[in-house]
Amino acid sequence: MTNTHFRKPHSGSATPSRDGAHDAFLLLRTVFTVAPILFGLDKFAGLLTDWEQYLAPWINDIVPGTAHQAMLMVGVIEIVAGILVAVRPKIGGYVVALWLVGIIVNLVTMGEFYDVALRDFGLFVAALALARLASTHGTARATATGAGAAEVGR
């Protein structure tokens, strides 16, 4: 007969254990910070794709300048949205969600890129989840040493 020893998980970290919802909040905040900033930067670099192909003609007709200039403005907005998610995820989540609705409308009205629009719908739902999670998980928790909690997400 062998002895089975169950060991308590090591709790050497300075932060208290988190629940799955807090972990989900951190993952969503990270993704919705990094992705918009990278996509926004790529509007200037053009490494990932030809972004102008995704601009609906009717939108190109109403924005001033060329399609390329419109995409540069889109890039700036995406960078700002990513930064907003990083510093104010409760507000930033809703801003990104509304931005994704605009992208979805743009793509669907083109009569093309339905696959991208469907993917962006999933991202829209995730951005709403981020905003909701930020309401309860967007503030730093008190440290294990008893130091106060700092406001991060409101």
C-alpha atoms as a PDB file:
ATOM      1  CA  MET A   1       0.000   0.000   0.000  1.00  0.00           C
ATOM      2  CA  THR A   2       1.316   3.437  -0.919  1.00  0.00           C
ATOM      3  CA  ASN A   3       0.701   6.580   0.962  1.00  0.00           C
ATOM      4  CA  THR A   4      -0.822   9.402  -1.021  1.00  0.00           C
ATOM      5  CA  HIS A   5      -0.009  12.826   0.283  1.00  0.00           C
ATOM      6  CA  PHE A   6      -2.137  15.724  -0.767  1.00  0.00           C
ATOM      7  CA  ARG A   7      -0.250  18.962  -0.662  1.00  0.00           C
ATOM      8  CA  LYS A   8      -1.775  22.313  -0.284  1.00  0.00           C
ATOM      9  CA  PRO A   9      -0.908  24.496  -3.310  1.00  0.00           C
ATOM     10  CA  HIS A  10       1.940  26.918  -2.665  1.00  0.00           C
ATOM     11  CA  SER A  11       0.574  30.314  -1.795  1.00  0.00           C
ATOM     12  CA  GLY A  12       3.780  32.299  -1.845  1.00  0.00           C
ATOM     13  CA  SER A  13       2.446  35.128  -3.973  1.00  0.00           C
ATOM     14  CA  ALA A  14       1.682  38.492  -2.432  1.00  0.00           C
ATOM     15  CA  THR A  15      -1.748  38.650  -4.066  1.00  0.00           C
ATOM     16  CA  PRO A  16      -4.771  36.836  -2.723  1.00  0.00           C
ATOM     17  CA  SER A  17      -6.231  34.051  -4.817  1.00  0.00           C
ATOM     18  CA  ARG A  18      -8.516  35.241  -7.586  1.00  0.00           C
ATOM     19  CA  ASP A  19     -11.653  33.762  -8.950  1.00  0.00           C
ATOM     20  CA  GLY A  20     -12.269  32.879 -12.587  1.00  0.00           C
ATOM     21  CA  ALA A  21     -14.226  36.059 -13.239  1.00  0.00           C
ATOM     22  CA  HIS A  22     -11.292  38.209 -12.164  1.00  0.00           C
ATOM     23  CA  ASP A  23      -8.947  36.182 -14.363  1.00  0.00           C
ATOM     24  CA  ALA A  24     -11.383  36.610 -17.273  1.00  0.00           C
ATOM     25  CA  PHE A  25     -11.432  40.358 -16.632  1.00  0.00           C
ATOM     26  CA  LEU A  26      -7.631  40.523 -16.743  1.00  0.00           C
ATOM     27  CA  LEU A  27      -7.486  38.494 -19.965  1.00  0.00           C
ATOM     28  CA  LEU A  28     -10.137  40.608 -21.673  1.00  0.00           C
ATOM     29  CA  ARG A  29      -8.570  43.874 -20.527  1.00  0.00           C
ATOM     30  CA  THR A  30      -5.189  42.752 -21.821  1.00  0.00           C
ATOM     31  CA  VAL A  31      -6.534  41.648 -25.211  1.00  0.00           C
ATOM     32  CA  PHE A  32      -8.706  44.733 -25.679  1.00  0.00           C
ATOM     33  CA  THR A  33      -5.745  46.942 -24.797  1.00  0.00           C
ATOM     34  CA  VAL A  34      -3.135  45.270 -26.987  1.00  0.00           C
ATOM     35  CA  ALA A  35      -5.216  44.346 -30.062  1.00  0.00           C
ATOM     36  CA  PRO A  36      -6.706  47.791 -30.815  1.00  0.00           C
ATOM     37  CA  ILE A  37      -3.324  49.445 -30.314  1.00  0.00           C
ATOM     38  CA  LEU A  38      -1.597  46.973 -32.649  1.00  0.00           C
ATOM     39  CA  PHE A  39      -4.347  47.179 -35.277  1.00  0.00           C
ATOM     40  CA  GLY A  40      -4.302  50.965 -34.984  1.00  0.00           C
ATOM     41  CA  LEU A  41      -0.550  51.083 -35.482  1.00  0.00           C
ATOM     42  CA  ASP A  42      -0.867  48.801 -38.478  1.00  0.00           C
ATOM     43  CA  LYS A  43      -3.176  51.315 -40.162  1.00  0.00           C
ATOM     44  CA  PHE A  44       0.024  53.356 -40.515  1.00  0.00           C
ATOM     45  CA  ALA A  45       2.414  50.483 -41.281  1.00  0.00           C
ATOM     46  CA  GLY A  46       0.166  48.385 -43.530  1.00  0.00           C
ATOM     47  CA  LEU A  47       1.889  45.116 -42.662  1.00  0.00           C
ATOM     48  CA  LEU A  48      -1.155  42.966 -41.898  1.00  0.00           C
ATOM     49  CA  THR A  49      -3.456  43.814 -44.798  1.00  0.00           C
ATOM     50  CA  ASP A  50      -4.678  46.498 -47.155  1.00  0.00           C
ATOM     51  CA  TRP A  51      -7.052  48.125 -44.693  1.00  0.00           C
ATOM     52  CA  GLU A  52      -8.724  50.312 -47.297  1.00  0.00           C
ATOM     53  CA  GLN A  53     -10.421  47.267 -48.836  1.00  0.00           C
ATOM     54  CA  TYR A  54     -12.577  47.062 -45.705  1.00  0.00           C
ATOM     55  CA  LEU A  55     -13.961  50.589 -46.023  1.00  0.00           C
ATOM     56  CA  ALA A  56     -17.505  50.635 -47.392  1.00  0.00           C
ATOM     57  CA  PRO A  57     -17.889  52.952 -50.399  1.00  0.00           C
ATOM     58  CA  TRP A  58     -20.728  54.887 -48.784  1.00  0.00           C
ATOM     59  CA  ILE A  59     -18.531  55.638 -45.763  1.00  0.00           C
ATOM     60  CA  ASN A  60     -15.654  56.640 -48.029  1.00  0.00           C
ATOM     61  CA  ASP A  61     -18.065  59.065 -49.738  1.00  0.00           C
ATOM     62  CA  ILE A  62     -19.018  60.820 -46.492  1.00  0.00           C
ATOM     63  CA  VAL A  63     -15.643  61.057 -44.739  1.00  0.00           C
ATOM     64  CA  PRO A  64     -13.321  63.845 -45.797  1.00  0.00           C
ATOM     65  CA  GLY A  65     -10.169  62.935 -47.682  1.00  0.00           C
ATOM     66  CA  THR A  66      -9.142  59.643 -49.216  1.00  0.00           C
ATOM     67  CA  ALA A  67      -9.782  56.101 -48.022  1.00  0.00           C
ATOM     68  CA  HIS A  68      -6.165  55.972 -46.867  1.00  0.00           C
ATOM     69  CA  GLN A  69      -6.620  59.117 -44.784  1.00  0.00           C
ATOM     70  CA  ALA A  70      -9.827  57.677 -43.329  1.00  0.00           C
ATOM     71  CA  MET A  71      -7.938  54.542 -42.297  1.00  0.00           C
ATOM     72  CA  LEU A  72      -5.263  56.653 -40.635  1.00  0.00           C
ATOM     73  CA  MET A  73      -8.004  58.302 -38.549  1.00  0.00           C
ATOM     74  CA  VAL A  74      -9.383  54.840 -37.772  1.00  0.00           C
ATOM     75  CA  GLY A  75      -5.899  53.899 -36.570  1.00  0.00           C
ATOM     76  CA  VAL A  76      -5.744  56.867 -34.221  1.00  0.00           C
ATOM     77  CA  ILE A  77      -9.185  56.035 -32.812  1.00  0.00           C
ATOM     78  CA  GLU A  78      -8.193  52.404 -32.272  1.00  0.00           C
ATOM     79  CA  ILE A  79      -5.000  53.382 -30.455  1.00  0.00           C
ATOM     80  CA  VAL A  80      -6.927  55.749 -28.187  1.00  0.00           C
ATOM     81  CA  ALA A  81      -9.565  53.056 -27.548  1.00  0.00           C
ATOM     82  CA  GLY A  82      -6.879  50.564 -26.532  1.00  0.00           C
ATOM     83  CA  ILE A  83      -5.324  53.045 -24.135  1.00  0.00           C
ATOM     84  CA  LEU A  84      -8.760  53.828 -22.700  1.00  0.00           C
ATOM     85  CA  VAL A  85      -9.353  50.125 -22.026  1.00  0.00           C
ATOM     86  CA  ALA A  86      -6.026  49.959 -20.200  1.00  0.00           C
ATOM     87  CA  VAL A  87      -6.753  52.873 -17.871  1.00  0.00           C
ATOM     88  CA  ARG A  88     -10.565  52.847 -17.669  1.00  0.00           C
ATOM     89  CA  PRO A  89     -11.791  49.371 -18.696  1.00  0.00           C
ATOM     90  CA  LYS A  90     -15.382  50.015 -17.629  1.00  0.00           C
ATOM     91  CA  ILE A  91     -15.677  52.920 -20.088  1.00  0.00           C
ATOM     92  CA  GLY A  92     -13.204  51.525 -22.614  1.00  0.00           C
ATOM     93  CA  GLY A  93     -15.091  48.248 -22.920  1.00  0.00           C
ATOM     94  CA  TYR A  94     -18.234  50.082 -23.997  1.00  0.00           C
ATOM     95  CA  VAL A  95     -16.279  52.346 -26.364  1.00  0.00           C
ATOM     96  CA  VAL A  96     -14.684  49.327 -28.050  1.00  0.00           C
ATOM     97  CA  ALA A  97     -18.080  47.597 -28.215  1.00  0.00           C
ATOM     98  CA  LEU A  98     -19.620  50.606 -29.987  1.00  0.00           C
ATOM     99  CA  TRP A  99     -16.623  50.817 -32.313  1.00  0.00           C
ATOM    100  CA  LEU A 100     -17.088  47.148 -33.212  1.00  0.00           C
ATOM    101  CA  VAL A 101     -20.765  47.788 -34.009  1.00  0.00           C
ATOM    102  CA  GLY A 102     -19.606  50.463 -36.446  1.00  0.00           C
ATOM    103  CA  ILE A 103     -17.159  48.053 -38.042  1.00  0.00           C
ATOM    104  CA  ILE A 104     -19.861  45.380 -38.323  1.00  0.00           C
ATOM    105  CA  VAL A 105     -22.296  47.813 -39.985  1.00  0.00           C
ATOM    106  CA  ASN A 106     -19.543  48.926 -42.356  1.00  0.00           C
ATOM    107  CA  LEU A 107     -18.720  45.326 -43.362  1.00  0.00           C
ATOM    108  CA  VAL A 108     -22.298  44.091 -43.673  1.00  0.00           C
ATOM    109  CA  THR A 109     -23.342  47.058 -45.818  1.00  0.00           C
ATOM    110  CA  MET A 110     -20.497  46.231 -48.194  1.00  0.00           C
ATOM    111  CA  GLY A 111     -22.128  42.889 -48.914  1.00  0.00           C
ATOM    112  CA  GLU A 112     -18.756  41.239 -48.291  1.00  0.00           C
ATOM    113  CA  PHE A 113     -16.581  40.077 -45.432  1.00  0.00           C
ATOM    114  CA  TYR A 114     -19.447  38.461 -43.523  1.00  0.00           C
ATOM    115  CA  ASP A 115     -16.899  36.154 -41.868  1.00  0.00           C
ATOM    116  CA  VAL A 116     -15.023  39.146 -40.471  1.00  0.00           C
ATOM    117  CA  ALA A 117     -18.306  40.744 -39.375  1.00  0.00           C
ATOM    118  CA  LEU A 118     -19.255  37.562 -37.519  1.00  0.00           C
ATOM    119  CA  ARG A 119     -15.858  37.461 -35.814  1.00  0.00           C
ATOM    120  CA  ASP A 120     -16.277  41.108 -34.838  1.00  0.00           C
ATOM    121  CA  PHE A 121     -19.699  40.289 -33.389  1.00  0.00           C
ATOM    122  CA  GLY A 122     -17.974  37.814 -31.076  1.00  0.00           C
ATOM    123  CA  LEU A 123     -15.475  40.520 -30.139  1.00  0.00           C
ATOM    124  CA  PHE A 124     -18.391  42.919 -29.541  1.00  0.00           C
ATOM    125  CA  VAL A 125     -19.904  40.490 -27.021  1.00  0.00           C
ATOM    126  CA  ALA A 126     -16.498  40.036 -25.359  1.00  0.00           C
ATOM    127  CA  ALA A 127     -16.058  43.826 -25.108  1.00  0.00           C
ATOM    128  CA  LEU A 128     -19.454  44.076 -23.402  1.00  0.00           C
ATOM    129  CA  ALA A 129     -18.373  41.311 -21.014  1.00  0.00           C
ATOM    130  CA  LEU A 130     -15.197  43.277 -20.249  1.00  0.00           C
ATOM    131  CA  ALA A 131     -17.203  46.397 -19.439  1.00  0.00           C
ATOM    132  CA  ARG A 132     -19.521  44.431 -17.147  1.00  0.00           C
ATOM    133  CA  LEU A 133     -16.659  42.620 -15.423  1.00  0.00           C
ATOM    134  CA  ALA A 134     -14.869  45.944 -14.918  1.00  0.00           C
ATOM    135  CA  SER A 135     -17.804  47.042 -12.762  1.00  0.00           C
ATOM    136  CA  THR A 136     -16.915  44.442 -10.146  1.00  0.00           C
ATOM    137  CA  HIS A 137     -13.334  43.420 -10.927  1.00  0.00           C
ATOM    138  CA  GLY A 138     -11.886  46.653 -12.277  1.00  0.00           C
ATOM    139  CA  THR A 139     -10.404  47.799  -8.987  1.00  0.00           C
ATOM    140  CA  ALA A 140      -7.280  46.385  -7.455  1.00  0.00           C
ATOM    141  CA  ARG A 141      -7.909  44.151  -4.485  1.00  0.00           C
ATOM    142  CA  ALA A 142      -6.273  44.773  -1.167  1.00  0.00           C
ATOM    143  CA  THR A 143      -2.887  43.148  -0.951  1.00  0.00           C
ATOM    144  CA  ALA A 144      -2.199  40.281   1.401  1.00  0.00           C
ATOM    145  CA  THR A 145      -0.319  42.674   3.663  1.00  0.00           C
ATOM    146  CA  GLY A 146      -3.422  44.727   4.222  1.00  0.00           C
ATOM    147  CA  ALA A 147      -2.432  47.756   2.155  1.00  0.00           C
ATOM    148  CA  GLY A 148      -5.403  49.570   0.685  1.00  0.00           C
ATOM    149  CA  ALA A 149      -6.928  48.936  -2.699  1.00  0.00           C
ATOM    150  CA  ALA A 150      -6.138  51.394  -5.473  1.00  0.00           C
ATOM    151  CA  GLU A 151      -8.758  52.473  -7.948  1.00  0.00           C
ATOM    152  CA  VAL A 152      -7.876  51.171 -11.413  1.00  0.00           C
ATOM    153  CA  GLY A 153     -10.998  50.514 -13.416  1.00  0.00           C
ATOM    154  CA  ARG A 154     -13.505  53.186 -12.651  1.00  0.00           C
END
